[in-house]
Amino acid sequence: MRKHTKLWLVAFLLLASGIFMGSFMQKAETKLKVIKAGLDEKGNLVCVNKSQVFLFKKINGENKIVFHYHDALSKEAIVTKSFPDAKTLETYWDQLLRNW
């Protein structure tokens, strides 16, 4: 009986750790070290490392945030993240300022 109980306990712990590990690993985008700014003209994901960003500004009228970053190969090292509405923009902006 002890072997059967230990087996169930180990199986339960493995299942529980797998489920909880997924929830711990997922972070809000503003807490990540990389800014996901959308897609380029070819459909590839555009990301910028936060350590490269030296300026970011919010443009309320267009519901977007513009990130200026260091890139020796690009004359215009700018990434723009657009939002569907002002509320989403404000939520992201507040989280971005708190988690930068």
N, C-alpha and C. Protein backbone atom coordinates (compact mmCIF):
# COMPACT_ATOMS: atom_id res chain seq x y z
N MET A 1 0.82 -1.19 0.00
CA MET A 1 0.00 0.00 0.00
C MET A 1 0.87 1.26 0.00
N ARG A 2 1.99 1.22 0.64
CA ARG A 2 2.85 2.40 0.70
C ARG A 2 3.40 2.75 -0.67
N LYS A 3 3.76 1.75 -1.45
CA LYS A 3 4.30 1.99 -2.78
C LYS A 3 3.24 2.63 -3.68
N HIS A 4 2.02 2.17 -3.57
CA HIS A 4 0.91 2.72 -4.35
C HIS A 4 0.64 4.18 -3.96
N THR A 5 0.68 4.48 -2.68
CA THR A 5 0.46 5.85 -2.20
C THR A 5 1.58 6.78 -2.64
N LYS A 6 2.82 6.30 -2.56
CA LYS A 6 3.95 7.11 -3.01
C LYS A 6 3.86 7.41 -4.50
N LEU A 7 3.45 6.43 -5.27
CA LEU A 7 3.31 6.62 -6.71
C LEU A 7 2.27 7.68 -7.03
N TRP A 8 1.15 7.65 -6.35
CA TRP A 8 0.10 8.66 -6.56
C TRP A 8 0.57 10.04 -6.11
N LEU A 9 1.30 10.08 -5.02
CA LEU A 9 1.81 11.36 -4.52
C LEU A 9 2.81 11.97 -5.50
N VAL A 10 3.71 11.18 -6.05
CA VAL A 10 4.68 11.66 -7.03
C VAL A 10 3.97 12.14 -8.29
N ALA A 11 2.99 11.37 -8.77
CA ALA A 11 2.24 11.76 -9.97
C ALA A 11 1.51 13.08 -9.74
N PHE A 12 0.91 13.24 -8.58
CA PHE A 12 0.20 14.48 -8.26
C PHE A 12 1.16 15.66 -8.20
N LEU A 13 2.31 15.48 -7.57
CA LEU A 13 3.28 16.56 -7.47
C LEU A 13 3.82 16.96 -8.85
N LEU A 14 4.07 16.00 -9.71
CA LEU A 14 4.54 16.32 -11.07
C LEU A 14 3.48 17.08 -11.85
N LEU A 15 2.24 16.64 -11.75
CA LEU A 15 1.15 17.31 -12.46
C LEU A 15 0.95 18.73 -11.92
N ALA A 16 0.94 18.88 -10.62
CA ALA A 16 0.74 20.20 -10.01
C ALA A 16 1.90 21.14 -10.34
N SER A 17 3.11 20.64 -10.29
CA SER A 17 4.26 21.51 -10.60
C SER A 17 4.24 21.93 -12.07
N GLY A 18 3.82 21.04 -12.95
CA GLY A 18 3.72 21.40 -14.37
C GLY A 18 2.67 22.48 -14.61
N ILE A 19 1.54 22.37 -13.95
CA ILE A 19 0.48 23.36 -14.11
C ILE A 19 0.90 24.70 -13.53
N PHE A 20 1.45 24.70 -12.32
CA PHE A 20 1.83 25.95 -11.68
C PHE A 20 3.05 26.59 -12.32
N MET A 21 3.95 25.81 -12.89
CA MET A 21 5.13 26.37 -13.54
C MET A 21 4.72 27.22 -14.73
N GLY A 22 3.72 26.79 -15.47
CA GLY A 22 3.24 27.58 -16.60
C GLY A 22 2.69 28.93 -16.16
N SER A 23 1.99 28.96 -15.06
CA SER A 23 1.44 30.24 -14.60
C SER A 23 2.53 31.15 -14.04
N PHE A 24 3.59 30.58 -13.48
CA PHE A 24 4.68 31.41 -12.97
C PHE A 24 5.55 31.95 -14.10
N MET A 25 5.68 31.18 -15.18
CA MET A 25 6.55 31.58 -16.28
C MET A 25 5.94 32.69 -17.13
N GLN A 26 4.62 32.74 -17.20
CA GLN A 26 3.98 33.77 -18.02
C GLN A 26 4.03 35.09 -17.29
N LYS A 27 4.59 36.10 -17.95
CA LYS A 27 4.71 37.42 -17.36
C LYS A 27 3.96 38.41 -18.23
N ALA A 28 3.60 39.53 -17.65
CA ALA A 28 3.02 40.60 -18.45
C ALA A 28 4.08 41.11 -19.41
N GLU A 29 3.65 41.56 -20.57
CA GLU A 29 4.61 42.01 -21.58
C GLU A 29 5.47 43.15 -21.08
N THR A 30 4.93 44.02 -20.24
CA THR A 30 5.70 45.15 -19.76
C THR A 30 6.81 44.73 -18.80
N LYS A 31 6.74 43.52 -18.24
CA LYS A 31 7.79 43.03 -17.35
C LYS A 31 8.91 42.31 -18.10
N LEU A 32 8.69 42.02 -19.37
CA LEU A 32 9.70 41.34 -20.16
C LEU A 32 10.85 42.27 -20.49
N LYS A 33 12.01 41.71 -20.83
CA LYS A 33 13.17 42.51 -21.21
C LYS A 33 13.11 42.93 -22.67
N VAL A 34 12.09 42.43 -23.38
CA VAL A 34 11.93 42.71 -24.80
C VAL A 34 10.57 43.34 -25.03
N ILE A 35 10.53 44.34 -25.91
CA ILE A 35 9.27 44.99 -26.28
C ILE A 35 8.81 44.37 -27.58
N LYS A 36 7.62 43.76 -27.56
CA LYS A 36 7.03 43.21 -28.78
C LYS A 36 6.21 44.32 -29.41
N ALA A 37 6.67 44.79 -30.56
CA ALA A 37 6.05 45.97 -31.16
C ALA A 37 5.18 45.67 -32.37
N GLY A 38 4.88 44.43 -32.63
CA GLY A 38 4.01 44.12 -33.75
C GLY A 38 4.75 43.41 -34.87
N LEU A 39 4.25 43.59 -36.10
CA LEU A 39 4.79 42.90 -37.25
C LEU A 39 5.36 43.88 -38.26
N ASP A 40 6.39 43.44 -38.98
CA ASP A 40 6.93 44.26 -40.06
C ASP A 40 6.13 44.01 -41.34
N GLU A 41 6.58 44.58 -42.46
CA GLU A 41 5.84 44.46 -43.72
C GLU A 41 5.81 43.03 -44.26
N LYS A 42 6.72 42.18 -43.81
CA LYS A 42 6.75 40.78 -44.24
C LYS A 42 6.01 39.85 -43.28
N GLY A 43 5.49 40.40 -42.19
CA GLY A 43 4.77 39.59 -41.22
C GLY A 43 5.64 39.02 -40.12
N ASN A 44 6.89 39.43 -40.04
CA ASN A 44 7.79 38.98 -38.98
C ASN A 44 7.59 39.81 -37.73
N LEU A 45 7.72 39.17 -36.57
CA LEU A 45 7.57 39.85 -35.30
C LEU A 45 8.72 40.83 -35.08
N VAL A 46 8.39 42.06 -34.68
CA VAL A 46 9.40 43.08 -34.41
C VAL A 46 9.54 43.23 -32.90
N CYS A 47 10.76 43.02 -32.41
CA CYS A 47 11.05 43.12 -30.98
C CYS A 47 12.28 43.99 -30.78
N VAL A 48 12.31 44.72 -29.68
CA VAL A 48 13.46 45.54 -29.32
C VAL A 48 13.81 45.25 -27.87
N ASN A 49 15.08 45.10 -27.59
CA ASN A 49 15.55 44.90 -26.24
C ASN A 49 15.40 46.21 -25.46
N LYS A 50 14.84 46.15 -24.26
CA LYS A 50 14.62 47.36 -23.46
C LYS A 50 15.92 48.10 -23.16
N SER A 51 17.02 47.38 -23.06
CA SER A 51 18.29 48.04 -22.76
C SER A 51 18.75 48.93 -23.90
N GLN A 52 18.24 48.72 -25.11
CA GLN A 52 18.59 49.55 -26.26
C GLN A 52 17.75 50.84 -26.33
N VAL A 53 16.61 50.85 -25.67
CA VAL A 53 15.68 51.99 -25.76
C VAL A 53 16.21 53.14 -24.92
N PHE A 54 16.32 54.32 -25.54
CA PHE A 54 16.76 55.49 -24.80
C PHE A 54 15.65 56.52 -24.64
N LEU A 55 14.54 56.36 -25.37
CA LEU A 55 13.42 57.28 -25.26
C LEU A 55 12.15 56.58 -25.71
N PHE A 56 11.08 56.76 -24.96
CA PHE A 56 9.78 56.31 -25.44
C PHE A 56 8.75 57.38 -25.11
N LYS A 57 7.81 57.56 -26.02
CA LYS A 57 6.81 58.60 -25.84
C LYS A 57 5.45 58.10 -26.27
N LYS A 58 4.44 58.64 -25.60
CA LYS A 58 3.06 58.25 -25.85
C LYS A 58 2.42 59.29 -26.75
N ILE A 59 1.74 58.84 -27.80
CA ILE A 59 1.01 59.73 -28.70
C ILE A 59 -0.47 59.40 -28.53
N ASN A 60 -1.16 60.22 -27.75
CA ASN A 60 -2.55 59.95 -27.39
C ASN A 60 -3.49 59.97 -28.59
N GLY A 61 -3.34 60.93 -29.49
CA GLY A 61 -4.26 61.07 -30.61
C GLY A 61 -4.27 59.87 -31.54
N GLU A 62 -3.16 59.17 -31.63
CA GLU A 62 -3.05 58.03 -32.53
C GLU A 62 -3.04 56.69 -31.79
N ASN A 63 -3.18 56.71 -30.47
CA ASN A 63 -3.17 55.50 -29.62
C ASN A 63 -1.94 54.65 -29.89
N LYS A 64 -0.77 55.25 -29.74
CA LYS A 64 0.47 54.51 -29.95
C LYS A 64 1.58 55.00 -29.04
N ILE A 65 2.56 54.15 -28.86
CA ILE A 65 3.77 54.48 -28.12
C ILE A 65 4.94 54.29 -29.08
N VAL A 66 5.82 55.26 -29.14
CA VAL A 66 6.98 55.23 -30.03
C VAL A 66 8.23 55.01 -29.17
N PHE A 67 9.01 53.98 -29.53
CA PHE A 67 10.24 53.65 -28.84
C PHE A 67 11.42 53.99 -29.75
N HIS A 68 12.34 54.82 -29.26
CA HIS A 68 13.57 55.15 -29.98
C HIS A 68 14.68 54.31 -29.34
N TYR A 69 15.44 53.61 -30.16
CA TYR A 69 16.48 52.72 -29.63
C TYR A 69 17.78 52.88 -30.41
N HIS A 70 18.86 52.40 -29.81
CA HIS A 70 20.19 52.46 -30.42
C HIS A 70 20.36 51.31 -31.41
N ASP A 71 20.70 51.67 -32.64
CA ASP A 71 21.02 50.67 -33.66
C ASP A 71 22.00 51.30 -34.64
N ALA A 72 23.20 50.79 -34.67
CA ALA A 72 24.25 51.38 -35.52
C ALA A 72 23.96 51.20 -37.01
N LEU A 73 23.17 50.21 -37.37
CA LEU A 73 22.90 49.93 -38.78
C LEU A 73 21.71 50.71 -39.34
N SER A 74 20.90 51.28 -38.48
CA SER A 74 19.68 51.94 -38.93
C SER A 74 19.76 53.45 -38.70
N LYS A 75 19.33 54.22 -39.70
CA LYS A 75 19.27 55.67 -39.53
C LYS A 75 18.08 56.05 -38.66
N GLU A 76 16.97 55.34 -38.85
CA GLU A 76 15.76 55.59 -38.06
C GLU A 76 15.49 54.37 -37.19
N ALA A 77 16.03 54.34 -36.02
CA ALA A 77 15.83 53.22 -35.11
C ALA A 77 14.62 53.52 -34.23
N ILE A 78 13.44 53.34 -34.81
CA ILE A 78 12.19 53.64 -34.13
C ILE A 78 11.25 52.45 -34.29
N VAL A 79 10.60 52.09 -33.20
CA VAL A 79 9.58 51.05 -33.23
C VAL A 79 8.31 51.64 -32.63
N THR A 80 7.19 51.41 -33.29
CA THR A 80 5.91 51.95 -32.84
C THR A 80 4.99 50.81 -32.44
N LYS A 81 4.38 50.92 -31.26
CA LYS A 81 3.40 49.94 -30.79
C LYS A 81 2.04 50.62 -30.78
N SER A 82 1.10 50.10 -31.56
CA SER A 82 -0.23 50.68 -31.68
C SER A 82 -1.23 49.93 -30.81
N PHE A 83 -2.28 50.64 -30.39
CA PHE A 83 -3.30 50.08 -29.52
C PHE A 83 -4.68 50.36 -30.11
N PRO A 84 -5.66 49.48 -29.86
CA PRO A 84 -6.98 49.66 -30.45
C PRO A 84 -7.78 50.83 -29.88
N ASP A 85 -7.53 51.17 -28.61
CA ASP A 85 -8.28 52.28 -28.00
C ASP A 85 -7.45 52.96 -26.92
N ALA A 86 -7.95 54.08 -26.43
CA ALA A 86 -7.22 54.88 -25.44
C ALA A 86 -7.09 54.15 -24.09
N LYS A 87 -8.09 53.37 -23.72
CA LYS A 87 -8.04 52.67 -22.44
C LYS A 87 -6.91 51.63 -22.43
N THR A 88 -6.78 50.88 -23.51
CA THR A 88 -5.70 49.89 -23.62
C THR A 88 -4.34 50.58 -23.60
N LEU A 89 -4.26 51.71 -24.29
CA LEU A 89 -3.02 52.49 -24.30
C LEU A 89 -2.64 52.95 -22.90
N GLU A 90 -3.59 53.48 -22.16
CA GLU A 90 -3.32 53.97 -20.80
C GLU A 90 -2.91 52.82 -19.86
N THR A 91 -3.58 51.69 -19.99
CA THR A 91 -3.23 50.54 -19.15
C THR A 91 -1.81 50.09 -19.42
N TYR A 92 -1.46 49.94 -20.70
CA TYR A 92 -0.11 49.52 -21.07
C TYR A 92 0.92 50.56 -20.63
N TRP A 93 0.61 51.84 -20.81
CA TRP A 93 1.53 52.92 -20.43
C TRP A 93 1.82 52.90 -18.94
N ASP A 94 0.77 52.76 -18.13
CA ASP A 94 0.94 52.70 -16.68
C ASP A 94 1.80 51.50 -16.26
N GLN A 95 1.55 50.34 -16.85
CA GLN A 95 2.34 49.15 -16.54
C GLN A 95 3.78 49.32 -17.00
N LEU A 96 3.95 49.95 -18.16
CA LEU A 96 5.29 50.18 -18.70
C LEU A 96 6.11 51.06 -17.77
N LEU A 97 5.52 52.12 -17.26
CA LEU A 97 6.22 53.02 -16.36
C LEU A 97 6.56 52.34 -15.03
N ARG A 98 5.64 51.51 -14.54
CA ARG A 98 5.89 50.81 -13.27
C ARG A 98 6.96 49.73 -13.41
N ASN A 99 7.00 49.05 -14.56
CA ASN A 99 7.87 47.88 -14.70
C ASN A 99 9.14 48.14 -15.51
N TRP A 100 9.41 49.37 -15.87
CA TRP A 100 10.57 49.64 -16.73
C TRP A 100 11.82 49.28 -16.03
